């Protein structure tokens, strides 16, 4: 059984630097993966609770007050944005019309919701680029370490003036560890990126559904 740590310690400074860089990328990737897991779970929990309240309440003011308890729900963020524009339009409606409160422009509310949706989805997409970068770059970083290690191994062969397997094998083994390490870093990062892109796509669809639901309520009651 070979000792990976011993092989890394005996490698050249460039190969060791490559391994340190891969370690940093790996730690960063797992940090993003774990943070995204907590972020999305928390958002799901808050959203389910908020939507249940939203659909069972007859008063927007009551829903607005509840938003402070659902800070991690993207739908709550959309509601606050839409409610703000709705309240503005109702507040400055025609003072000479004593009838039912009416909005002036439903499209303006829709635009506000679209902007809020971009902000909310952006919160979930933040730091995902790090996973994509790691997944793309780590194999090449590892390959660079391997190539450099092979070059170093052949230089040792030249110094020792022998090409026997005993002389070549240790250097080649040290070099190939960098490639293996690069793949070990890239695979979880690639999985994490694809996994959370799909999760965010699902959340985005739910946000879009809520947008249409909110606009439908506004249109029925204030137009």
Protein backbone atom coordinates (compact mmCIF):
# COMPACT_ATOMS: atom_id res chain seq x y z
CA UNK A 1 0.00 0.00 0.00
CA UNK A 2 1.54 3.29 -1.09
CA UNK A 3 1.68 6.29 1.21
CA UNK A 4 0.19 9.27 -0.62
CA UNK A 5 1.30 11.81 1.99
CA UNK A 6 4.87 10.55 1.84
CA UNK A 7 4.85 10.79 -1.95
CA UNK A 8 3.53 14.35 -1.83
CA UNK A 9 6.19 15.33 0.71
CA UNK A 10 8.93 13.91 -1.51
CA UNK A 11 7.59 15.67 -4.62
CA UNK A 12 9.14 18.84 -5.98
CA UNK A 13 8.07 22.33 -4.87
CA UNK A 14 5.98 22.97 -8.00
CA UNK A 15 4.06 19.71 -7.57
CA UNK A 16 3.49 20.50 -3.91
CA UNK A 17 2.23 23.98 -4.83
CA UNK A 18 -0.21 22.37 -7.28
CA UNK A 19 -1.48 20.05 -4.54
CA UNK A 20 -1.97 22.98 -2.17
CA UNK A 21 -3.92 24.85 -4.86
CA UNK A 22 -6.11 21.81 -5.45
CA UNK A 23 -6.69 21.49 -1.72
CA UNK A 24 -7.83 25.13 -1.56
CA UNK A 25 -10.19 24.58 -4.52
CA UNK A 26 -11.55 21.44 -2.90
CA UNK A 27 -12.22 23.13 0.45
CA UNK A 28 -13.83 26.07 -1.32
CA UNK A 29 -16.05 23.78 -3.38
CA UNK A 30 -17.27 21.79 -0.39
CA UNK A 31 -17.94 25.02 1.46
CA UNK A 32 -20.15 26.24 -1.40
CA UNK A 33 -21.90 22.85 -1.68
CA UNK A 34 -22.72 22.74 2.04
CA UNK A 35 -23.80 26.40 2.16
CA UNK A 36 -26.08 25.93 -0.86
CA UNK A 37 -27.65 22.89 0.73
CA UNK A 38 -28.55 24.83 3.88
CA UNK A 39 -29.64 27.90 1.90
CA UNK A 40 -32.03 25.99 -0.37
CA UNK A 41 -33.47 23.86 2.44
CA UNK A 42 -34.11 26.94 4.54
CA UNK A 43 -35.67 28.78 1.60
CA UNK A 44 -37.95 25.80 0.90
CA UNK A 45 -39.06 25.64 4.52
CA UNK A 46 -39.79 29.37 4.71
CA UNK A 47 -41.50 29.38 1.31
CA UNK A 48 -43.84 26.52 2.19
CA UNK A 49 -44.86 28.30 5.38
CA UNK A 50 -45.26 31.67 3.63
CA UNK A 51 -47.30 30.30 0.73
CA UNK A 52 -49.62 28.50 3.13
CA UNK A 53 -50.23 31.80 4.94
CA UNK A 54 -50.56 33.77 1.69
CA UNK A 55 -53.19 31.42 0.28
CA UNK A 56 -55.21 31.29 3.47
CA UNK A 57 -55.23 35.00 4.24
CA UNK A 58 -57.67 37.57 2.92
CA UNK A 59 -55.60 40.58 3.91
CA UNK A 60 -52.39 41.69 2.21
CA UNK A 61 -51.43 43.68 5.30
CA UNK A 62 -51.50 40.50 7.35
CA UNK A 63 -49.28 38.77 4.81
CA UNK A 64 -46.92 41.76 4.78
CA UNK A 65 -46.50 41.53 8.56
CA UNK A 66 -45.73 37.83 8.25
CA UNK A 67 -42.91 38.46 5.77
CA UNK A 68 -40.56 39.41 8.59
CA UNK A 69 -40.81 35.80 9.82
CA UNK A 70 -40.04 34.42 6.35
CA UNK A 71 -36.90 36.33 5.42
CA UNK A 72 -35.40 33.43 3.45
CA UNK A 73 -38.45 32.84 1.27
CA UNK A 74 -38.02 34.24 -2.27
CA UNK A 75 -41.80 34.47 -2.57
CA UNK A 76 -41.90 36.71 0.49
CA UNK A 77 -39.36 38.99 -1.19
CA UNK A 78 -41.51 39.13 -4.31
CA UNK A 79 -44.61 39.84 -2.28
CA UNK A 80 -42.99 42.79 -0.53
CA UNK A 81 -41.88 44.26 -3.86
CA UNK A 82 -45.28 43.77 -5.45
CA UNK A 83 -47.16 45.00 -2.41
CA UNK A 84 -45.04 48.15 -2.30
CA UNK A 85 -45.91 49.04 -5.91
CA UNK A 86 -49.57 48.09 -5.37
CA UNK A 87 -49.80 50.24 -2.27
CA UNK A 88 -48.17 53.14 -4.11
CA UNK A 89 -50.68 52.97 -6.94
CA UNK A 90 -53.66 52.70 -4.61
CA UNK A 91 -52.40 55.52 -2.43
CA UNK A 92 -52.09 57.94 -5.34
CA UNK A 93 -55.19 56.92 -7.24
CA UNK A 94 -57.69 59.53 -8.43
CA UNK A 95 -58.87 61.31 -5.25
CA UNK A 96 -62.14 62.27 -6.95
CA UNK A 97 -63.17 58.61 -7.37
CA UNK A 98 -64.86 57.41 -4.17
CA UNK A 99 -65.51 53.94 -5.54
CA UNK A 100 -63.57 50.71 -5.31
CA UNK A 101 -59.77 51.17 -5.11
CA UNK A 102 -58.19 50.51 -8.49
CA UNK A 103 -54.66 50.20 -9.73
CA UNK A 104 -53.46 52.40 -12.56
CA UNK A 105 -51.02 50.04 -14.27
CA UNK A 106 -50.83 46.27 -13.80
CA UNK A 107 -47.81 46.11 -16.09
CA UNK A 108 -45.85 48.30 -13.67
CA UNK A 109 -46.49 45.80 -10.89
CA UNK A 110 -45.43 42.96 -13.22
CA UNK A 111 -42.17 44.78 -14.00
CA UNK A 112 -41.46 45.28 -10.30
CA UNK A 113 -42.04 41.57 -9.71
CA UNK A 114 -39.73 40.68 -12.59
CA UNK A 115 -36.94 42.80 -11.12
CA UNK A 116 -37.52 41.26 -7.68
CA UNK A 117 -37.39 37.80 -9.24
CA UNK A 118 -33.98 38.53 -10.73
CA UNK A 119 -32.72 39.64 -7.30
CA UNK A 120 -34.14 36.60 -5.52
CA UNK A 121 -32.82 34.07 -8.03
CA UNK A 122 -29.46 35.87 -8.00
CA UNK A 123 -29.15 35.18 -4.27
CA UNK A 124 -29.23 31.45 -5.00
CA UNK A 125 -26.93 31.63 -8.01
CA UNK A 126 -24.28 33.51 -6.06
CA UNK A 127 -20.97 31.55 -5.69
CA UNK A 128 -22.13 28.83 -8.12
CA UNK A 129 -19.57 30.18 -10.60
CA UNK A 130 -16.88 29.02 -8.20
CA UNK A 131 -18.08 25.43 -8.60
CA UNK A 132 -18.14 25.77 -12.38
CA UNK A 133 -14.65 27.26 -12.41
CA UNK A 134 -13.32 24.56 -10.12
CA UNK A 135 -14.89 21.78 -12.18
CA UNK A 136 -13.32 23.18 -15.34
CA UNK A 137 -9.93 24.19 -13.98
CA UNK A 138 -9.04 21.47 -11.44
CA UNK A 139 -8.28 18.70 -14.02
CA UNK A 140 -5.96 21.05 -15.91
CA UNK A 141 -4.25 22.15 -12.71
CA UNK A 142 -3.74 18.48 -11.86
CA UNK A 143 -2.49 17.77 -15.38
CA UNK A 144 -0.01 20.61 -15.10
CA UNK A 145 1.27 19.08 -11.87
CA UNK A 146 1.59 15.70 -13.59
CA UNK A 147 3.48 17.10 -16.57
CA UNK A 148 5.84 19.00 -14.32
CA UNK A 149 6.34 15.92 -12.17
CA UNK A 150 7.16 13.79 -15.22
CA UNK A 151 9.68 16.39 -16.35
CA UNK A 152 11.21 16.36 -12.89
CA UNK A 153 11.30 12.55 -12.92
CA UNK A 154 13.17 12.47 -16.24
CA UNK A 155 15.64 15.03 -14.92
CA UNK A 156 16.32 12.70 -11.98
CA UNK A 157 16.85 9.85 -14.43
CA UNK A 158 19.39 11.99 -16.28
CA UNK A 159 21.22 12.73 -13.06
CA UNK A 160 21.19 9.08 -11.96
CA UNK A 161 22.05 7.94 -15.52
CA UNK A 162 19.69 4.96 -15.34
CA UNK A 163 16.26 4.27 -16.81
CA UNK A 164 15.38 1.23 -14.74
CA UNK A 165 11.85 0.79 -13.40
CA UNK A 166 13.13 1.31 -9.86
CA UNK A 167 14.45 4.73 -10.80
CA UNK A 168 11.47 5.80 -12.95
CA UNK A 169 8.45 4.49 -11.00
CA UNK A 170 8.61 6.74 -7.90
CA UNK A 171 8.81 9.96 -9.91
CA UNK A 172 6.03 8.94 -12.29
CA UNK A 173 3.82 7.87 -9.37
CA UNK A 174 4.32 11.23 -7.67
CA UNK A 175 3.41 12.99 -10.91
CA UNK A 176 0.23 10.98 -11.51
CA UNK A 177 -1.10 11.81 -8.04
CA UNK A 178 -1.68 15.39 -9.24
CA UNK A 179 -3.96 14.17 -12.03
CA UNK A 180 -5.91 11.97 -9.63
CA UNK A 181 -6.19 14.86 -7.17
CA UNK A 182 -7.43 17.18 -9.94
CA UNK A 183 -10.19 14.73 -10.84
CA UNK A 184 -11.07 14.20 -7.18
CA UNK A 185 -11.57 17.96 -6.83
CA UNK A 186 -13.40 18.46 -10.14
CA UNK A 187 -15.97 15.66 -9.87
CA UNK A 188 -17.72 16.88 -6.66
CA UNK A 189 -17.61 20.46 -7.95
CA UNK A 190 -19.22 19.43 -11.25
CA UNK A 191 -21.87 17.38 -9.45
CA UNK A 192 -22.59 20.24 -7.06
CA UNK A 193 -22.90 22.76 -9.88
CA UNK A 194 -25.32 20.65 -11.92
CA UNK A 195 -27.31 19.65 -8.84
CA UNK A 196 -27.85 23.19 -7.61
CA UNK A 197 -28.48 24.61 -11.07
CA UNK A 198 -31.39 22.17 -11.32
CA UNK A 199 -32.57 23.09 -7.81
CA UNK A 200 -32.44 26.80 -8.64
CA UNK A 201 -34.28 26.18 -11.91
CA UNK A 202 -37.04 24.50 -9.90
CA UNK A 203 -37.13 27.40 -7.43
CA UNK A 204 -37.27 29.86 -10.33
CA UNK A 205 -40.32 28.04 -11.73
CA UNK A 206 -42.02 28.23 -8.32
CA UNK A 207 -41.24 31.95 -8.13
CA UNK A 208 -42.73 32.45 -11.59
CA UNK A 209 -45.89 30.63 -10.50
CA UNK A 210 -46.18 32.88 -7.46
CA UNK A 211 -45.72 35.96 -9.66
CA UNK A 212 -48.65 34.93 -11.84
CA UNK A 213 -50.72 34.06 -8.77
CA UNK A 214 -50.05 37.46 -7.18
CA UNK A 215 -50.86 39.33 -10.39
CA UNK A 216 -54.05 37.35 -10.78
CA UNK A 217 -55.22 38.33 -7.29
CA UNK A 218 -54.35 41.97 -7.90
CA UNK A 219 -56.15 42.00 -11.24
CA UNK A 220 -59.30 40.43 -9.80
CA UNK A 221 -59.48 42.72 -6.80
CA UNK A 222 -58.01 46.05 -7.90
CA UNK A 223 -58.77 46.50 -11.60
